[in-house]
Amino acid sequence: MQTYVHSGLYHHTIDQLETIARTFDPAAPDILRTRIIEALGDLGIWPASVFEVSDERKAAA
């Protein structure tokens, strides 16, 4: 599967990931994971399980 996003957003996300890698604190690995998830979320990349949950909520409304 391939996902294409606006070039500016793509490069912004690469910059975010680079900053995350450069400022990684081994004493706080959970923060690393959270920041990576946020960067991917900015691109609109989410696991299918999130879609399924939001889809179920829409159906219940």
N, C-alpha and C. Protein backbone atom coordinates (compact mmCIF):
# COMPACT_ATOMS: atom_id res chain seq x y z
N MET A 1 0.84 -1.17 0.00
CA MET A 1 0.00 0.00 0.00
C MET A 1 0.89 1.24 0.00
N GLN A 2 0.53 2.21 -0.78
CA GLN A 2 1.27 3.46 -0.84
C GLN A 2 0.33 4.61 -0.49
N THR A 3 0.87 5.58 0.18
CA THR A 3 0.10 6.76 0.55
C THR A 3 0.85 7.98 0.07
N TYR A 4 0.17 8.87 -0.62
CA TYR A 4 0.79 10.10 -1.11
C TYR A 4 0.17 11.28 -0.38
N VAL A 5 1.03 12.19 0.07
CA VAL A 5 0.57 13.40 0.75
C VAL A 5 1.26 14.60 0.12
N HIS A 6 0.74 15.78 0.41
CA HIS A 6 1.33 17.02 -0.10
C HIS A 6 2.81 17.06 0.28
N SER A 7 3.66 17.48 -0.63
CA SER A 7 5.12 17.48 -0.41
C SER A 7 5.52 18.27 0.83
N GLY A 8 4.88 19.42 1.06
CA GLY A 8 5.21 20.22 2.24
C GLY A 8 4.94 19.47 3.53
N LEU A 9 3.81 18.78 3.58
CA LEU A 9 3.47 18.00 4.77
C LEU A 9 4.44 16.84 4.95
N TYR A 10 4.80 16.21 3.85
CA TYR A 10 5.76 15.10 3.89
C TYR A 10 7.09 15.58 4.48
N HIS A 11 7.62 16.68 3.96
CA HIS A 11 8.91 17.18 4.42
C HIS A 11 8.83 17.68 5.87
N HIS A 12 7.71 18.26 6.24
CA HIS A 12 7.51 18.69 7.63
C HIS A 12 7.56 17.47 8.56
N THR A 13 6.93 16.39 8.15
CA THR A 13 6.92 15.18 8.97
C THR A 13 8.31 14.57 9.06
N ILE A 14 9.05 14.57 7.96
CA ILE A 14 10.43 14.08 8.00
C ILE A 14 11.24 14.92 8.99
N ASP A 15 11.05 16.23 8.96
CA ASP A 15 11.75 17.10 9.92
C ASP A 15 11.36 16.76 11.36
N GLN A 16 10.06 16.49 11.57
CA GLN A 16 9.60 16.12 12.92
C GLN A 16 10.28 14.83 13.38
N LEU A 17 10.31 13.83 12.49
CA LEU A 17 10.92 12.55 12.85
C LEU A 17 12.41 12.70 13.11
N GLU A 18 13.07 13.54 12.34
CA GLU A 18 14.49 13.79 12.56
C GLU A 18 14.71 14.44 13.93
N THR A 19 13.88 15.40 14.27
CA THR A 19 13.98 16.05 15.58
C THR A 19 13.73 15.05 16.70
N ILE A 20 12.74 14.20 16.51
CA ILE A 20 12.44 13.17 17.51
C ILE A 20 13.65 12.27 17.72
N ALA A 21 14.28 11.85 16.63
CA ALA A 21 15.45 10.97 16.73
C ALA A 21 16.61 11.67 17.42
N ARG A 22 16.81 12.93 17.10
CA ARG A 22 17.94 13.67 17.67
C ARG A 22 17.76 13.98 19.16
N THR A 23 16.51 14.07 19.60
CA THR A 23 16.26 14.43 21.00
C THR A 23 15.78 13.24 21.83
N PHE A 24 15.94 12.04 21.31
CA PHE A 24 15.48 10.84 22.01
C PHE A 24 16.14 10.72 23.37
N ASP A 25 15.32 10.47 24.38
CA ASP A 25 15.80 10.25 25.74
C ASP A 25 15.54 8.78 26.10
N PRO A 26 16.60 7.96 26.17
CA PRO A 26 16.41 6.54 26.48
C PRO A 26 15.67 6.29 27.80
N ALA A 27 15.68 7.27 28.67
CA ALA A 27 14.99 7.11 29.95
C ALA A 27 13.48 7.27 29.82
N ALA A 28 13.02 7.75 28.65
CA ALA A 28 11.59 7.99 28.45
C ALA A 28 11.13 7.42 27.10
N PRO A 29 11.21 6.09 26.93
CA PRO A 29 10.85 5.51 25.63
C PRO A 29 9.38 5.70 25.24
N ASP A 30 8.48 5.82 26.22
CA ASP A 30 7.06 6.02 25.90
C ASP A 30 6.84 7.36 25.20
N ILE A 31 7.61 8.37 25.57
CA ILE A 31 7.49 9.67 24.92
C ILE A 31 7.91 9.57 23.46
N LEU A 32 8.94 8.77 23.17
CA LEU A 32 9.38 8.56 21.79
C LEU A 32 8.23 7.99 20.96
N ARG A 33 7.61 6.95 21.46
CA ARG A 33 6.50 6.30 20.73
C ARG A 33 5.36 7.29 20.50
N THR A 34 5.01 8.04 21.52
CA THR A 34 3.92 9.01 21.40
C THR A 34 4.23 10.05 20.34
N ARG A 35 5.45 10.56 20.34
CA ARG A 35 5.82 11.59 19.36
C ARG A 35 5.82 11.05 17.94
N ILE A 36 6.24 9.79 17.76
CA ILE A 36 6.20 9.18 16.43
C ILE A 36 4.75 9.01 15.98
N ILE A 37 3.89 8.55 16.87
CA ILE A 37 2.46 8.39 16.54
C ILE A 37 1.86 9.73 16.16
N GLU A 38 2.20 10.78 16.88
CA GLU A 38 1.69 12.12 16.55
C GLU A 38 2.16 12.56 15.17
N ALA A 39 3.42 12.31 14.84
CA ALA A 39 3.94 12.69 13.53
C ALA A 39 3.22 11.94 12.41
N LEU A 40 2.99 10.65 12.61
CA LEU A 40 2.25 9.88 11.60
C LEU A 40 0.80 10.34 11.52
N GLY A 41 0.21 10.67 12.66
CA GLY A 41 -1.16 11.17 12.67
C GLY A 41 -1.30 12.47 11.90
N ASP A 42 -0.27 13.31 11.96
CA ASP A 42 -0.29 14.55 11.18
C ASP A 42 -0.38 14.27 9.68
N LEU A 43 0.14 13.11 9.28
CA LEU A 43 0.04 12.69 7.87
C LEU A 43 -1.28 12.00 7.58
N GLY A 44 -2.04 11.71 8.61
CA GLY A 44 -3.30 11.00 8.42
C GLY A 44 -3.10 9.50 8.36
N ILE A 45 -1.99 9.02 8.92
CA ILE A 45 -1.70 7.58 8.93
C ILE A 45 -2.07 7.03 10.30
N TRP A 46 -3.07 6.15 10.31
CA TRP A 46 -3.57 5.56 11.54
C TRP A 46 -3.76 4.07 11.34
N PRO A 47 -3.70 3.27 12.41
CA PRO A 47 -3.95 1.83 12.27
C PRO A 47 -5.42 1.57 11.93
N ALA A 48 -5.66 0.45 11.28
CA ALA A 48 -7.02 0.10 10.89
C ALA A 48 -7.94 0.00 12.10
N SER A 49 -7.41 -0.39 13.24
CA SER A 49 -8.24 -0.52 14.44
C SER A 49 -8.88 0.82 14.83
N VAL A 50 -8.21 1.92 14.58
CA VAL A 50 -8.78 3.23 14.87
C VAL A 50 -9.95 3.50 13.94
N PHE A 51 -9.82 3.15 12.67
CA PHE A 51 -10.89 3.33 11.70
C PHE A 51 -12.11 2.51 12.11
N GLU A 52 -11.87 1.26 12.51
CA GLU A 52 -12.97 0.39 12.88
C GLU A 52 -13.73 0.94 14.08
N VAL A 53 -13.03 1.48 15.06
CA VAL A 53 -13.69 2.04 16.24
C VAL A 53 -14.49 3.28 15.86
N SER A 54 -13.91 4.18 15.06
CA SER A 54 -14.64 5.39 14.70
C SER A 54 -15.81 5.04 13.79
N ASP A 55 -15.66 4.01 12.95
CA ASP A 55 -16.74 3.57 12.08
C ASP A 55 -17.90 3.03 12.91
N GLU A 56 -17.58 2.27 13.97
CA GLU A 56 -18.61 1.73 14.85
C GLU A 56 -19.35 2.85 15.58
N ARG A 57 -18.63 3.88 15.98
CA ARG A 57 -19.27 5.01 16.68
C ARG A 57 -20.22 5.75 15.75
N LYS A 58 -19.84 5.91 14.49
CA LYS A 58 -20.72 6.58 13.53
C LYS A 58 -21.99 5.78 13.31
N ALA A 59 -21.86 4.46 13.26
CA ALA A 59 -23.02 3.60 13.04
C ALA A 59 -23.97 3.66 14.23
N ALA A 60 -23.43 3.83 15.43
CA ALA A 60 -24.26 3.87 16.64
C ALA A 60 -24.97 5.21 16.80
N ALA A 61 -24.46 6.24 16.15
CA ALA A 61 -25.04 7.59 16.32
C ALA A 61 -26.35 7.76 15.61
